[in-house]
Amino acid sequence: MSHYVSIPRYLHYLNKRRIVYRRNPTTDKPTLTFKHGRYYENGTYQCYDLFRSKAKITTYKSLKWHLLVLWYLNPQLDMNEFTKLAETIANYKYGFIAFDIPPQLLKRIVYDVSMCDLEEPPKNKLRKVIFNDNCGLNLSEKLTIVGQLIGRSKRIHQDDIYQCMLDINDMGKKITINRLAGLLNCSARTIHRNMGYELKKEKELLNQEQLQWKFMLLVENIARKFSTTQQASGVMSINDLIQEGNLNLCKAIRRIDWIRLSESEDQEKTLKSFLSKRIKGGIRRAIDKNRGDIRIPEHKLNEIRKDNGKDHKMVAMFFNSMFLSIDEKPKDDEENMIYQIADKSEPYNIGLLNIYLTGLLKKHLNDREYDVLRLSYGLDCEKHSANKIADILKIEGSSAYVRVSELKKQAVDKLIDSVDHSQVLDYL
């Protein structure tokens, strides 16, 4: 799947069906009309300009507002047409949205929007300067014009500050007091004096939105490093991991200590490190939560074979009966009645069995392990004691025979783990 941030919007769908998603003010009159656009001294709420910037829809609230504007601007749509339009907007493959939305929740949002009164326009941002489409200006030139128009009045209003905040955000830069002061040609103290609580909150939200957009690719890169197998992440798919990563990115951005960040020598590296740790942690917690009620350790999962491990037990039964059981005879026959029952089964062909076992040993064991089992059980020779085997293999020391026993156990365990059950099935 392509990166979320690289998926272009499927605006052709809207244009082909003549869906209106941008509209200039209808009744508000501009104070000044210039070559590249219009200026409204008191501002206007009638300018609807959807899908202009690169930012995606990142919240349910934003999705509902976009659908409400489309419903308001296109009164000719019936319910079926609007539902299809909403499903297209809510499908991340078409580049409008940055997350998956459950179908039932989308139906609920569509129903709520369809019940709204079309006579009442949706809430909108106040705009003072509106540029013409394809005016040919870059963002820096637009900001210069905005500063000249709004800065004509001696008094700085909150609406002027908000307009500049929107323009700086559209330019992809962080909104700061100094940038606002430079744009409005006033002092930073004047900006502080005229910024109320709501403007400060909006400034913080716009900066957070800019950071979310900037680090969305980092989220996807981190999410794709996690395994999506059933054992590793349970029911969570790669889309779920990316969505959890974006959610924790939003939470991490709200916890940034800007004072400490400003003291860092490499602010970009510090910020990326801070966000990465919290994105990874959030994805891990989501995986643990959705993996199941009981978490099986990874090394135990590796021990479980198909058919609930019965094949592995079958192989263990074969080699234990061939080797380890020879060394572990019961001490008291009266307490082990199974050894008092006569074995009436057909005896093995010892010669063929020795040849078969020798082939398995050569294939799966190293030379020392092979010699220990061959000499201990006399596969192609007489049986040897542990001390004699130690002398043959040049294992020195007073406890050399102990090392021989360890090698026997190690060799049998390796055979149990390495040999496929189909290779011993006929002997069982």
Protein backbone atom coordinates (compact mmCIF):
# COMPACT_ATOMS: atom_id res chain seq x y z
CA MET A 1 0.00 0.00 0.00
CA SER A 2 1.25 3.49 -0.77
CA HIS A 3 2.03 5.99 1.91
CA TYR A 4 -0.99 7.91 3.19
CA VAL A 5 0.75 11.23 2.65
CA SER A 6 1.63 10.38 -0.96
CA ILE A 7 -1.86 9.39 -2.14
CA PRO A 8 -3.21 12.23 -4.35
CA ARG A 9 -6.80 13.27 -3.84
CA TYR A 10 -9.23 11.82 -6.34
CA LEU A 11 -10.70 15.23 -7.24
CA HIS A 12 -11.64 13.87 -10.68
CA TYR A 13 -14.49 12.01 -8.97
CA LEU A 14 -15.91 15.31 -7.67
CA ASN A 15 -15.32 17.23 -10.90
CA LYS A 16 -16.86 14.53 -13.12
CA ARG A 17 -20.06 14.58 -11.05
CA ARG A 18 -20.07 18.39 -10.82
CA ILE A 19 -19.79 18.33 -7.04
CA VAL A 20 -19.27 21.87 -5.68
CA TYR A 21 -16.54 21.95 -3.04
CA ARG A 22 -15.32 25.56 -3.39
CA ARG A 23 -17.42 28.72 -3.35
CA ASN A 24 -16.64 32.41 -3.00
CA PRO A 25 -18.81 34.74 -0.86
CA THR A 26 -22.27 35.27 -2.38
CA THR A 27 -23.80 38.21 -0.49
CA ASP A 28 -20.82 39.78 1.33
CA LYS A 29 -19.25 42.59 -0.69
CA PRO A 30 -15.47 43.09 -0.75
CA THR A 31 -14.00 46.29 0.60
CA LEU A 32 -11.30 46.21 -2.05
CA THR A 33 -10.87 44.24 -5.25
CA PHE A 34 -7.32 43.97 -6.53
CA LYS A 35 -5.59 42.13 -9.36
CA HIS A 36 -5.05 38.87 -7.49
CA GLY A 37 -8.17 38.70 -5.29
CA ARG A 38 -10.52 40.50 -2.88
CA TYR A 39 -10.17 42.09 0.56
CA TYR A 40 -12.98 42.13 3.18
CA GLU A 41 -12.23 44.58 5.94
CA ASN A 42 -14.75 43.06 8.37
CA GLY A 43 -14.11 39.51 7.15
CA THR A 44 -16.49 36.96 5.62
CA TYR A 45 -17.70 33.53 6.66
CA GLN A 46 -19.07 32.69 3.22
CA CYS A 47 -15.84 31.45 1.62
CA TYR A 48 -15.80 27.64 1.43
CA ASP A 49 -12.56 26.25 0.02
CA LEU A 50 -12.31 22.48 0.60
CA PHE A 51 -9.26 20.37 -0.29
CA ARG A 52 -7.05 23.38 -1.08
CA SER A 53 -4.10 22.50 1.18
CA LYS A 54 -2.24 19.18 1.34
CA ALA A 55 -3.57 18.39 4.82
CA LYS A 56 -5.77 15.27 5.05
CA ILE A 57 -8.90 14.77 7.13
CA THR A 58 -7.53 13.38 10.40
CA THR A 59 -10.52 13.35 12.81
CA TYR A 60 -14.17 12.28 12.84
CA LYS A 61 -15.16 15.87 13.63
CA SER A 62 -13.32 17.17 10.57
CA LEU A 63 -14.88 14.46 8.38
CA LYS A 64 -18.36 15.40 9.55
CA TRP A 65 -17.71 19.10 8.84
CA HIS A 66 -16.46 18.36 5.31
CA LEU A 67 -19.54 16.24 4.58
CA LEU A 68 -21.79 18.95 6.03
CA VAL A 69 -20.24 21.57 3.72
CA LEU A 70 -20.64 19.29 0.69
CA TRP A 71 -24.27 18.64 1.66
CA TYR A 72 -24.84 22.40 2.01
CA LEU A 73 -23.14 23.35 -1.26
CA ASN A 74 -24.87 20.60 -3.29
CA PRO A 75 -28.62 20.72 -2.49
CA GLN A 76 -29.38 18.81 -5.72
CA LEU A 77 -27.99 15.56 -4.29
CA ASP A 78 -30.43 12.89 -3.13
CA MET A 79 -29.69 10.58 -0.21
CA ASN A 80 -28.22 7.76 -2.31
CA GLU A 81 -25.89 10.10 -4.20
CA PHE A 82 -24.74 11.77 -0.99
CA THR A 83 -24.09 8.37 0.63
CA LYS A 84 -21.87 7.32 -2.30
CA LEU A 85 -20.05 10.66 -2.07
CA ALA A 86 -19.48 10.17 1.67
CA GLU A 87 -18.14 6.64 1.13
CA THR A 88 -15.67 7.99 -1.45
CA ILE A 89 -14.47 10.78 0.86
CA ALA A 90 -14.12 8.31 3.76
CA ASN A 91 -12.07 5.80 1.74
CA TYR A 92 -8.38 6.51 2.38
CA LYS A 93 -7.46 5.02 -1.03
CA TYR A 94 -8.88 8.16 -2.64
CA GLY A 95 -6.55 10.47 -0.70
CA PHE A 96 -9.09 12.56 1.23
CA ILE A 97 -8.74 10.95 4.65
CA ALA A 98 -5.84 9.60 6.75
CA PHE A 99 -7.59 6.87 8.76
CA ASP A 100 -10.07 4.00 8.48
CA ILE A 101 -13.62 4.58 9.68
CA PRO A 102 -16.04 1.75 10.59
CA PRO A 103 -18.96 1.49 8.12
CA GLN A 104 -21.58 1.76 10.88
CA LEU A 105 -20.04 4.97 12.22
CA LEU A 106 -19.93 6.45 8.71
CA LYS A 107 -23.63 5.66 8.23
CA ARG A 108 -24.37 7.42 11.51
CA ILE A 109 -22.40 10.52 10.44
CA VAL A 110 -24.14 10.57 7.04
CA TYR A 111 -27.53 10.34 8.73
CA ASP A 112 -26.70 13.17 11.17
CA VAL A 113 -25.52 15.39 8.30
CA SER A 114 -28.59 14.65 6.18
CA MET A 115 -30.84 15.76 9.05
CA CYS A 116 -29.21 19.21 9.24
CA ASP A 117 -31.06 22.28 7.94
CA LEU A 118 -29.71 23.35 4.55
CA GLU A 119 -30.90 26.91 5.13
CA GLU A 120 -28.31 27.39 7.86
CA PRO A 121 -24.72 27.54 6.57
CA PRO A 122 -22.12 25.37 8.34
CA LYS A 123 -19.67 27.02 10.71
CA ASN A 124 -16.70 28.39 8.85
CA LYS A 125 -13.44 30.31 9.37
CA LEU A 126 -13.44 34.08 9.05
CA ARG A 127 -11.43 35.15 5.98
CA LYS A 128 -10.36 38.69 5.10
CA VAL A 129 -8.23 38.14 2.02
CA ILE A 130 -9.35 35.72 -0.69
CA PHE A 131 -7.03 35.10 -3.64
CA ASN A 132 -8.26 34.11 -7.09
CA ASP A 133 -7.66 30.59 -8.36
CA ASN A 134 -4.45 30.31 -10.41
CA CYS A 135 -3.41 33.84 -9.45
CA GLY A 136 0.22 32.91 -10.05
CA LEU A 137 1.50 34.01 -6.61
CA ASN A 138 3.55 31.83 -4.30
CA LEU A 139 2.86 31.66 -0.58
CA SER A 140 5.52 34.20 0.34
CA GLU A 141 4.06 36.76 -2.07
CA LYS A 142 0.57 36.11 -0.74
CA LEU A 143 1.75 36.70 2.84
CA THR A 144 3.31 40.00 1.78
CA ILE A 145 0.00 41.17 0.27
CA VAL A 146 -1.94 40.06 3.34
CA GLY A 147 0.41 42.04 5.59
CA GLN A 148 0.06 45.15 3.42
CA LEU A 149 -3.74 44.96 3.35
CA ILE A 150 -4.36 44.13 6.98
CA GLY A 151 -1.56 46.40 8.22
CA ARG A 152 -3.21 49.47 6.66
CA SER A 153 -5.27 50.03 9.81
CA LYS A 154 -3.46 51.39 12.85
CA ARG A 155 -5.17 49.05 15.29
CA ILE A 156 -4.45 45.31 15.21
CA HIS A 157 -7.60 43.21 15.63
CA GLN A 158 -7.91 39.57 16.63
CA ASP A 159 -9.37 38.80 13.21
CA ASP A 160 -6.21 40.17 11.58
CA ILE A 161 -4.02 37.95 13.76
CA TYR A 162 -6.17 34.93 12.98
CA GLN A 163 -5.97 35.60 9.22
CA CYS A 164 -2.17 35.73 9.42
CA MET A 165 -2.11 32.53 11.48
CA LEU A 166 -4.07 30.73 8.75
CA ASP A 167 -1.74 32.02 6.04
CA ILE A 168 1.40 31.00 7.93
CA ASN A 169 -0.10 27.56 8.53
CA ASP A 170 -0.92 27.20 4.81
CA MET A 171 2.69 28.09 4.07
CA GLY A 172 3.79 25.07 6.12
CA LYS A 173 5.59 27.04 8.81
CA LYS A 174 5.25 27.13 12.58
CA ILE A 175 3.14 30.01 13.89
CA THR A 176 5.20 32.19 16.25
CA ILE A 177 4.65 35.60 17.82
CA ASN A 178 7.63 37.04 15.98
CA ARG A 179 6.34 35.84 12.61
CA LEU A 180 2.92 37.36 13.30
CA ALA A 181 4.51 40.62 14.41
CA GLY A 182 6.69 40.79 11.30
CA LEU A 183 3.75 40.07 9.01
CA LEU A 184 1.49 42.68 10.65
CA ASN A 185 4.32 45.22 10.96
CA CYS A 186 3.91 45.66 14.70
CA SER A 187 5.73 44.70 17.89
CA ALA A 188 5.57 41.29 19.55
CA ARG A 189 4.08 43.04 22.58
CA THR A 190 1.16 44.23 20.46
CA ILE A 191 0.49 40.65 19.34
CA HIS A 192 0.59 39.40 22.94
CA ARG A 193 -1.80 42.18 24.02
CA ASN A 194 -4.37 41.41 21.32
CA MET A 195 -4.24 37.60 21.46
CA GLY A 196 -7.00 36.22 23.65
CA TYR A 197 -7.31 32.72 25.07
CA GLU A 198 -9.17 31.40 22.01
CA LEU A 199 -6.51 32.68 19.59
CA LYS A 200 -3.72 31.16 21.67
CA LYS A 201 -5.57 27.85 21.70
CA GLU A 202 -6.11 28.03 17.94
CA LYS A 203 -2.43 28.83 17.42
CA GLU A 204 -1.51 25.72 19.41
CA LEU A 205 -3.95 23.54 17.44
CA LEU A 206 -2.70 24.81 14.08
CA ASN A 207 0.91 24.13 15.06
CA GLN A 208 -0.06 20.63 16.22
CA GLU A 209 -1.83 19.99 12.91
CA GLN A 210 1.30 21.10 11.04
CA LEU A 211 3.48 18.72 13.08
CA GLN A 212 1.02 15.86 12.56
CA TRP A 213 1.20 16.38 8.81
CA LYS A 214 4.99 16.60 8.91
CA PHE A 215 5.52 13.36 10.86
CA MET A 216 2.82 11.14 9.32
CA LEU A 217 5.46 9.46 7.16
CA LEU A 218 7.54 8.74 10.28
CA VAL A 219 4.50 7.01 11.81
CA GLU A 220 4.06 4.73 8.81
CA ASN A 221 7.78 3.87 8.69
CA ILE A 222 7.69 2.88 12.38
CA ALA A 223 4.45 0.90 12.01
CA ARG A 224 5.81 -1.12 9.08
CA LYS A 225 8.74 -2.32 11.22
CA PHE A 226 6.31 -4.30 13.40
CA SER A 227 5.43 -7.84 12.37
CA THR A 228 1.80 -8.33 11.33
CA THR A 229 1.70 -12.11 11.76
CA GLN A 230 -1.03 -13.62 13.92
CA GLN A 231 1.46 -14.55 16.65
CA ALA A 232 3.08 -11.11 16.74
CA SER A 233 0.18 -8.64 16.49
CA GLY A 234 -3.02 -10.69 16.82
CA VAL A 235 -5.97 -9.25 14.90
CA MET A 236 -4.25 -5.93 14.08
CA SER A 237 -3.42 -5.24 10.43
CA ILE A 238 -0.90 -2.73 9.09
CA ASN A 239 -3.70 -0.16 8.74
CA ASP A 240 -4.55 -0.60 12.43
CA LEU A 241 -0.90 -0.13 13.42
CA ILE A 242 -0.63 3.07 11.36
CA GLN A 243 -3.85 4.41 12.87
CA GLU A 244 -2.62 3.69 16.41
CA GLY A 245 0.66 5.38 15.51
CA ASN A 246 -1.15 8.52 14.31
CA LEU A 247 -3.25 8.58 17.46
CA ASN A 248 -0.15 8.42 19.66
CA LEU A 249 1.56 11.03 17.48
CA CYS A 250 -1.25 13.45 18.36
CA LYS A 251 -0.89 12.62 22.06
CA ALA A 252 2.90 13.03 21.93
CA ILE A 253 2.69 16.43 20.20
CA ARG A 254 0.50 17.73 23.03
CA ARG A 255 3.21 16.73 25.53
CA ILE A 256 6.13 18.50 23.85
CA ASP A 257 8.11 20.76 26.18
CA TRP A 258 8.85 23.64 23.81
CA ILE A 259 11.18 25.39 26.28
CA ARG A 260 13.39 22.33 26.63
CA LEU A 261 13.22 21.73 22.88
CA SER A 262 14.45 25.27 22.18
CA GLU A 263 17.55 24.58 24.31
CA SER A 264 18.53 21.55 22.20
CA GLU A 265 21.45 21.87 19.79
CA ASP A 266 19.65 19.77 17.15
CA GLN A 267 15.93 20.48 17.61
CA GLU A 268 14.82 18.35 14.64
CA LYS A 269 16.67 15.29 15.93
CA THR A 270 15.43 15.80 19.50
CA LEU A 271 11.83 16.19 18.36
CA LYS A 272 12.01 13.13 16.12
CA SER A 273 13.49 11.03 18.93
CA PHE A 274 10.82 12.22 21.39
CA LEU A 275 7.96 11.40 19.01
CA SER A 276 9.42 8.06 17.84
CA LYS A 277 9.63 6.64 21.36
CA ARG A 278 6.00 7.46 22.11
CA ILE A 279 4.74 6.23 18.73
CA LYS A 280 6.52 2.89 19.21
CA GLY A 281 5.26 2.57 22.78
CA GLY A 282 1.69 3.31 21.77
CA ILE A 283 1.76 0.71 18.97
CA ARG A 284 3.25 -1.91 21.33
CA ARG A 285 0.53 -1.26 23.94
CA ALA A 286 -2.17 -1.57 21.27
CA ILE A 287 -0.69 -4.87 20.08
CA ASP A 288 -0.58 -6.24 23.62
CA LYS A 289 -4.18 -5.16 24.19
CA ASN A 290 -5.50 -6.78 21.00
CA ARG A 291 -3.35 -9.89 20.89
CA GLY A 292 -5.58 -11.83 23.30
CA ASP A 293 -6.28 -12.52 26.97
CA ILE A 294 -3.28 -14.85 27.38
CA ARG A 295 0.06 -13.89 25.90
CA ILE A 296 2.17 -16.90 24.91
CA PRO A 297 5.93 -16.26 25.03
CA GLU A 298 7.62 -16.28 21.65
CA HIS A 299 9.90 -19.23 22.50
CA LYS A 300 6.86 -21.32 23.46
CA LEU A 301 5.09 -20.43 20.23
CA ASN A 302 8.12 -21.69 18.33
CA GLU A 303 7.85 -25.03 20.15
CA ILE A 304 4.25 -25.56 19.09
CA ARG A 305 4.03 -27.50 15.84
CA LYS A 306 1.04 -28.19 13.67
CA ASP A 307 -1.63 -30.52 15.07
CA ASN A 308 -1.06 -29.05 18.57
CA GLY A 309 2.47 -30.42 18.80
CA LYS A 310 1.51 -34.10 18.42
CA ASP A 311 4.06 -34.59 15.63
CA HIS A 312 6.84 -33.32 17.87
CA LYS A 313 5.73 -35.67 20.67
CA MET A 314 5.71 -38.58 18.23
CA VAL A 315 9.36 -37.97 17.31
CA ALA A 316 10.28 -37.60 20.99
CA MET A 317 8.55 -40.91 21.76
CA PHE A 318 10.55 -42.68 19.07
CA PHE A 319 14.01 -41.51 20.11
CA ASN A 320 13.30 -41.78 23.84
CA SER A 321 12.23 -45.36 23.32
CA MET A 322 15.38 -46.05 21.30
CA PHE A 323 17.96 -44.34 23.50
CA LEU A 324 16.99 -42.75 26.80
CA SER A 325 14.72 -45.56 27.97
CA ILE A 326 17.68 -47.94 27.77
CA ASP A 327 19.46 -45.85 30.41
CA GLU A 328 16.42 -45.28 32.62
CA LYS A 329 15.14 -48.72 33.67
CA PRO A 330 12.82 -48.65 36.70
CA LYS A 331 14.34 -49.51 40.04
CA ASP A 332 11.35 -51.31 41.48
CA ASP A 333 9.35 -53.57 39.17
CA GLU A 334 6.58 -53.93 41.74
CA GLU A 335 5.82 -50.20 41.55
CA ASN A 336 5.93 -50.20 37.73
CA MET A 337 3.39 -52.77 36.60
CA ILE A 338 3.86 -51.91 32.94
CA TYR A 339 7.21 -53.73 32.96
CA GLN A 340 5.52 -56.90 34.23
CA ILE A 341 3.33 -57.11 31.10
CA ALA A 342 4.75 -59.37 28.41
CA ASP A 343 5.58 -57.62 25.16
CA LYS A 344 3.96 -59.71 22.38
CA SER A 345 4.57 -57.22 19.56
CA GLU A 346 6.71 -58.11 16.56
CA PRO A 347 10.41 -57.48 17.30
CA TYR A 348 12.38 -54.90 15.28
CA ASN A 349 14.81 -56.01 12.60
CA ILE A 350 17.89 -54.85 14.50
CA GLY A 351 20.14 -54.74 11.45
CA LEU A 352 17.80 -52.55 9.39
CA LEU A 353 17.02 -50.37 12.40
CA ASN A 354 20.73 -49.77 13.09
CA ILE A 355 21.33 -48.77 9.47
CA TYR A 356 18.35 -46.39 9.56
CA LEU A 357 19.42 -44.81 12.85
CA THR A 358 23.00 -44.42 11.63
CA GLY A 359 21.74 -42.50 8.59
CA LEU A 360 19.69 -40.14 10.77
CA LEU A 361 22.60 -39.56 13.13
CA LYS A 362 25.02 -38.69 10.32
CA LYS A 363 22.53 -36.27 8.82
CA HIS A 364 21.58 -34.28 11.94
CA LEU A 365 24.52 -34.62 14.40
CA ASN A 366 28.10 -33.47 14.42
CA ASP A 367 30.94 -35.98 14.55
CA ARG A 368 31.34 -36.02 18.36
CA GLU A 369 27.60 -36.42 19.04
CA TYR A 370 27.38 -39.14 16.38
CA ASP A 371 30.29 -41.13 17.89
CA VAL A 372 28.86 -40.89 21.42
CA LEU A 373 25.49 -42.40 20.43
CA ARG A 374 27.02 -44.96 18.07
CA LEU A 375 29.49 -46.24 20.68
CA SER A 376 27.07 -46.03 23.61
CA TYR A 377 24.38 -48.17 22.00
CA GLY A 378 26.55 -50.26 19.65
CA LEU A 379 24.82 -49.35 16.43
CA ASP A 380 27.59 -50.79 14.23
CA CYS A 381 29.96 -52.07 16.92
CA GLU A 382 30.07 -53.38 20.48
CA LYS A 383 28.63 -51.21 23.25
CA HIS A 384 31.21 -49.11 25.10
CA SER A 385 31.15 -47.70 28.61
CA ALA A 386 31.25 -43.96 29.22
CA ASN A 387 34.89 -44.10 30.36
CA LYS A 388 35.97 -45.95 27.21
CA ILE A 389 34.08 -43.47 25.04
CA ALA A 390 35.85 -40.64 26.86
CA ASP A 391 39.21 -42.22 26.09
CA ILE A 392 38.32 -42.72 22.41
CA LEU A 393 37.10 -39.13 22.03
CA LYS A 394 40.05 -37.84 24.13
CA ILE A 395 37.83 -36.28 26.76
CA GLU A 396 40.12 -35.81 29.74
CA GLY A 397 39.43 -35.28 33.44
CA SER A 398 38.07 -37.16 36.41
CA SER A 399 34.48 -36.39 35.36
CA ALA A 400 34.91 -37.23 31.68
CA TYR A 401 32.12 -39.80 31.85
CA VAL A 402 29.74 -37.02 32.96
CA ARG A 403 30.58 -35.08 29.83
CA VAL A 404 29.81 -38.20 27.77
CA SER A 405 26.35 -38.43 29.37
CA GLU A 406 25.75 -34.76 28.61
CA LEU A 407 26.67 -35.31 24.96
CA LYS A 408 24.24 -38.26 24.76
CA LYS A 409 21.37 -36.15 26.11
CA GLN A 410 22.32 -33.24 23.82
CA ALA A 411 22.40 -35.52 20.77
CA VAL A 412 18.98 -37.06 21.49
CA ASP A 413 17.40 -33.62 22.02
CA LYS A 414 18.84 -32.43 18.71
CA LEU A 415 17.38 -35.45 16.91
CA ILE A 416 13.95 -34.83 18.43
CA ASP A 417 14.00 -31.19 17.27
CA SER A 418 15.44 -31.89 13.80
CA VAL A 419 13.79 -35.08 12.51
CA ASP A 420 10.38 -34.84 10.83
CA HIS A 421 7.65 -37.11 12.22
CA SER A 422 7.10 -38.72 8.83
CA GLN A 423 10.59 -40.25 9.01
CA VAL A 424 9.76 -42.28 12.14
CA LEU A 425 6.03 -42.90 11.59
CA ASP A 426 6.47 -46.46 10.28
CA TYR A 427 8.38 -47.52 13.39
CA LEU A 428 5.60 -46.32 15.69
